[in-house]
């Protein structure tokens, strides 16, 4: 929000999650769950493109701030 030539920044309390694209869903599960030890919190679809998985990883409770999600992109 701008006021009198100055920019007023909004303060946030944190970040809920980050989302990225991946090419290989199983390889992502193997890495994030198997190697990093994150829990696969949820596996769903992209409702705009039902053929695309949406994977959610987080801590044992899926606490906001611990979650990273992935859409499976187009295979090359």
N, C-alpha and C. Protein backbone atom coordinates (compact mmCIF):
# COMPACT_ATOMS: atom_id res chain seq x y z
N UNK A 1 0.84 -1.17 0.00
CA UNK A 1 0.00 0.00 0.00
C UNK A 1 0.89 1.24 0.00
N UNK A 2 0.67 2.17 -0.90
CA UNK A 2 1.49 3.37 -0.99
C UNK A 2 0.81 4.52 -0.25
N UNK A 3 1.62 5.32 0.44
CA UNK A 3 1.13 6.50 1.13
C UNK A 3 2.16 7.61 1.00
N UNK A 4 1.76 8.73 0.45
CA UNK A 4 2.59 9.92 0.36
C UNK A 4 3.99 9.59 -0.16
N UNK A 5 4.07 8.80 -1.23
CA UNK A 5 5.34 8.50 -1.83
C UNK A 5 6.14 7.40 -1.12
N UNK A 6 5.61 6.91 -0.03
CA UNK A 6 6.31 5.84 0.70
C UNK A 6 5.56 4.52 0.51
N UNK A 7 6.28 3.45 0.60
CA UNK A 7 5.67 2.12 0.49
C UNK A 7 5.54 1.55 1.89
N UNK A 8 4.33 1.14 2.23
CA UNK A 8 4.09 0.51 3.53
C UNK A 8 4.02 -1.00 3.31
N UNK A 9 4.94 -1.73 3.89
CA UNK A 9 4.99 -3.17 3.71
C UNK A 9 4.11 -3.87 4.74
N UNK A 10 3.44 -4.91 4.28
CA UNK A 10 2.64 -5.71 5.19
C UNK A 10 3.54 -6.72 5.88
N UNK A 11 3.34 -6.91 7.16
CA UNK A 11 4.10 -7.90 7.91
C UNK A 11 3.37 -9.23 7.83
N UNK A 12 4.10 -10.29 7.55
CA UNK A 12 3.51 -11.62 7.53
C UNK A 12 3.96 -12.39 8.75
N UNK A 13 3.16 -13.39 9.11
CA UNK A 13 3.52 -14.21 10.27
C UNK A 13 4.29 -15.45 9.87
N UNK A 14 4.49 -15.66 8.58
CA UNK A 14 5.24 -16.82 8.13
C UNK A 14 4.78 -17.29 6.78
N UNK A 15 5.28 -18.44 6.40
CA UNK A 15 4.93 -19.01 5.11
C UNK A 15 4.21 -20.33 5.37
N UNK A 16 3.16 -20.59 4.62
CA UNK A 16 2.41 -21.82 4.80
C UNK A 16 3.09 -22.99 4.09
N UNK A 17 3.40 -22.81 2.81
CA UNK A 17 4.08 -23.87 2.06
C UNK A 17 4.70 -23.31 0.79
N UNK A 18 5.53 -24.13 0.19
CA UNK A 18 6.18 -23.83 -1.08
C UNK A 18 5.74 -24.90 -2.06
N UNK A 19 5.51 -24.52 -3.33
CA UNK A 19 5.13 -25.48 -4.36
C UNK A 19 6.13 -25.41 -5.51
N UNK A 20 6.48 -26.57 -6.04
CA UNK A 20 7.41 -26.65 -7.17
C UNK A 20 6.92 -27.71 -8.14
N UNK A 21 7.53 -27.74 -9.31
CA UNK A 21 7.21 -28.74 -10.33
C UNK A 21 8.31 -29.80 -10.33
N UNK A 22 7.93 -31.06 -10.55
CA UNK A 22 8.89 -32.15 -10.68
C UNK A 22 8.53 -32.99 -11.89
N UNK A 23 9.49 -33.70 -12.44
CA UNK A 23 9.22 -34.56 -13.59
C UNK A 23 8.88 -35.99 -13.18
N UNK A 24 9.42 -36.45 -12.06
CA UNK A 24 9.25 -37.84 -11.67
C UNK A 24 8.70 -37.91 -10.25
N UNK A 25 7.40 -38.21 -10.13
CA UNK A 25 6.74 -38.23 -8.83
C UNK A 25 7.36 -39.26 -7.90
N UNK A 26 7.62 -40.46 -8.37
CA UNK A 26 8.18 -41.51 -7.50
C UNK A 26 9.58 -41.15 -7.02
N UNK A 27 10.36 -40.56 -7.88
CA UNK A 27 11.71 -40.14 -7.48
C UNK A 27 11.63 -39.07 -6.39
N UNK A 28 10.66 -38.17 -6.50
CA UNK A 28 10.45 -37.14 -5.48
C UNK A 28 10.04 -37.76 -4.15
N UNK A 29 9.13 -38.74 -4.20
CA UNK A 29 8.71 -39.43 -2.97
C UNK A 29 9.92 -40.13 -2.34
N UNK A 30 10.71 -40.82 -3.16
CA UNK A 30 11.89 -41.52 -2.66
C UNK A 30 12.85 -40.55 -1.96
N UNK A 31 13.05 -39.37 -2.55
CA UNK A 31 13.99 -38.40 -1.98
C UNK A 31 13.44 -37.74 -0.72
N UNK A 32 12.26 -37.10 -0.84
CA UNK A 32 11.74 -36.31 0.28
C UNK A 32 11.30 -37.17 1.46
N UNK A 33 10.70 -38.33 1.20
CA UNK A 33 10.28 -39.21 2.29
C UNK A 33 11.43 -40.14 2.71
N UNK A 34 12.07 -40.77 1.73
CA UNK A 34 13.08 -41.76 2.04
C UNK A 34 14.39 -41.21 2.55
N UNK A 35 14.88 -40.14 1.93
CA UNK A 35 16.19 -39.59 2.30
C UNK A 35 16.07 -38.46 3.33
N UNK A 36 15.18 -37.49 3.07
CA UNK A 36 15.05 -36.37 4.01
C UNK A 36 14.18 -36.69 5.22
N UNK A 37 13.37 -37.75 5.11
CA UNK A 37 12.56 -38.15 6.25
C UNK A 37 11.26 -37.37 6.43
N UNK A 38 10.87 -36.60 5.41
CA UNK A 38 9.57 -35.92 5.49
C UNK A 38 8.46 -36.93 5.25
N UNK A 39 7.32 -36.65 5.79
CA UNK A 39 6.17 -37.54 5.62
C UNK A 39 5.39 -37.12 4.38
N UNK A 40 4.95 -38.09 3.59
CA UNK A 40 4.03 -37.79 2.49
C UNK A 40 2.68 -37.57 3.13
N UNK A 41 2.31 -36.30 3.31
CA UNK A 41 1.12 -35.91 4.06
C UNK A 41 -0.14 -36.18 3.25
N UNK A 42 -0.06 -35.94 1.93
CA UNK A 42 -1.25 -36.04 1.09
C UNK A 42 -0.82 -36.25 -0.36
N UNK A 43 -1.59 -37.03 -1.08
CA UNK A 43 -1.39 -37.20 -2.52
C UNK A 43 -2.75 -37.02 -3.17
N UNK A 44 -2.85 -36.03 -4.01
CA UNK A 44 -4.11 -35.73 -4.66
C UNK A 44 -3.83 -35.42 -6.12
N UNK A 45 -4.80 -34.85 -6.80
CA UNK A 45 -4.62 -34.46 -8.20
C UNK A 45 -4.72 -32.96 -8.32
N UNK A 46 -4.24 -32.46 -9.43
CA UNK A 46 -4.44 -31.06 -9.78
C UNK A 46 -5.84 -30.99 -10.37
N UNK A 47 -6.73 -30.28 -9.73
CA UNK A 47 -8.13 -30.28 -10.17
C UNK A 47 -8.34 -29.62 -11.53
N UNK A 48 -7.38 -28.79 -11.96
CA UNK A 48 -7.45 -28.23 -13.31
C UNK A 48 -6.97 -29.22 -14.36
N UNK A 49 -6.10 -30.14 -13.95
CA UNK A 49 -5.56 -31.18 -14.84
C UNK A 49 -5.50 -32.49 -14.06
N UNK A 50 -6.59 -33.25 -14.03
CA UNK A 50 -6.69 -34.45 -13.19
C UNK A 50 -5.63 -35.51 -13.45
N UNK A 51 -4.94 -35.46 -14.57
CA UNK A 51 -3.89 -36.45 -14.85
C UNK A 51 -2.58 -36.11 -14.13
N UNK A 52 -2.52 -34.94 -13.48
CA UNK A 52 -1.31 -34.48 -12.80
C UNK A 52 -1.45 -34.65 -11.29
N UNK A 53 -0.50 -35.38 -10.69
CA UNK A 53 -0.48 -35.54 -9.23
C UNK A 53 -0.06 -34.27 -8.52
N UNK A 54 -0.55 -34.09 -7.29
CA UNK A 54 -0.13 -33.02 -6.41
C UNK A 54 0.29 -33.70 -5.11
N UNK A 55 1.58 -33.66 -4.81
CA UNK A 55 2.15 -34.35 -3.65
C UNK A 55 2.46 -33.35 -2.55
N UNK A 56 2.13 -33.67 -1.31
CA UNK A 56 2.37 -32.81 -0.15
C UNK A 56 3.30 -33.53 0.82
N UNK A 57 4.42 -32.91 1.18
CA UNK A 57 5.33 -33.45 2.17
C UNK A 57 5.41 -32.47 3.33
N UNK A 58 5.59 -32.98 4.54
CA UNK A 58 5.73 -32.11 5.70
C UNK A 58 6.24 -32.88 6.90
N UNK A 59 6.24 -32.22 8.06
CA UNK A 59 6.65 -32.92 9.27
C UNK A 59 5.56 -33.92 9.66
N UNK A 60 5.72 -34.58 10.77
CA UNK A 60 4.79 -35.65 11.14
C UNK A 60 3.35 -35.21 11.31
N UNK A 61 3.11 -33.92 11.56
CA UNK A 61 1.73 -33.43 11.71
C UNK A 61 1.26 -32.60 10.53
N UNK A 62 2.13 -32.37 9.55
CA UNK A 62 1.76 -31.52 8.42
C UNK A 62 1.59 -30.07 8.81
N UNK A 63 2.32 -29.64 9.82
CA UNK A 63 2.22 -28.29 10.38
C UNK A 63 2.55 -27.23 9.33
N UNK A 64 1.73 -26.17 9.22
CA UNK A 64 2.05 -25.09 8.29
C UNK A 64 3.47 -24.58 8.53
N UNK A 65 4.16 -24.32 7.45
CA UNK A 65 5.56 -23.90 7.53
C UNK A 65 6.51 -25.05 7.31
N UNK A 66 6.02 -26.29 7.49
CA UNK A 66 6.86 -27.46 7.24
C UNK A 66 6.53 -28.11 5.90
N UNK A 67 5.52 -27.60 5.22
CA UNK A 67 4.98 -28.28 4.04
C UNK A 67 5.62 -27.77 2.75
N UNK A 68 5.97 -28.72 1.89
CA UNK A 68 6.42 -28.43 0.53
C UNK A 68 5.58 -29.32 -0.38
N UNK A 69 5.07 -28.76 -1.46
CA UNK A 69 4.22 -29.53 -2.36
C UNK A 69 4.80 -29.53 -3.77
N UNK A 70 4.41 -30.54 -4.53
CA UNK A 70 4.93 -30.68 -5.88
C UNK A 70 3.81 -31.09 -6.83
N UNK A 71 3.82 -30.50 -8.01
CA UNK A 71 3.01 -30.96 -9.12
C UNK A 71 3.94 -31.73 -10.04
N UNK A 72 3.48 -32.86 -10.53
CA UNK A 72 4.26 -33.59 -11.51
C UNK A 72 4.09 -32.88 -12.84
N UNK A 73 5.20 -32.46 -13.42
CA UNK A 73 5.16 -31.76 -14.70
C UNK A 73 5.13 -32.72 -15.87
N UNK A 74 5.27 -32.19 -17.04
CA UNK A 74 5.30 -33.00 -18.25
C UNK A 74 6.59 -33.78 -18.32
N UNK A 75 6.51 -35.07 -18.67
CA UNK A 75 7.70 -35.88 -18.86
C UNK A 75 8.41 -35.45 -20.13
N UNK A 76 9.71 -35.55 -20.11
CA UNK A 76 10.49 -35.16 -21.30
C UNK A 76 10.91 -36.37 -22.05
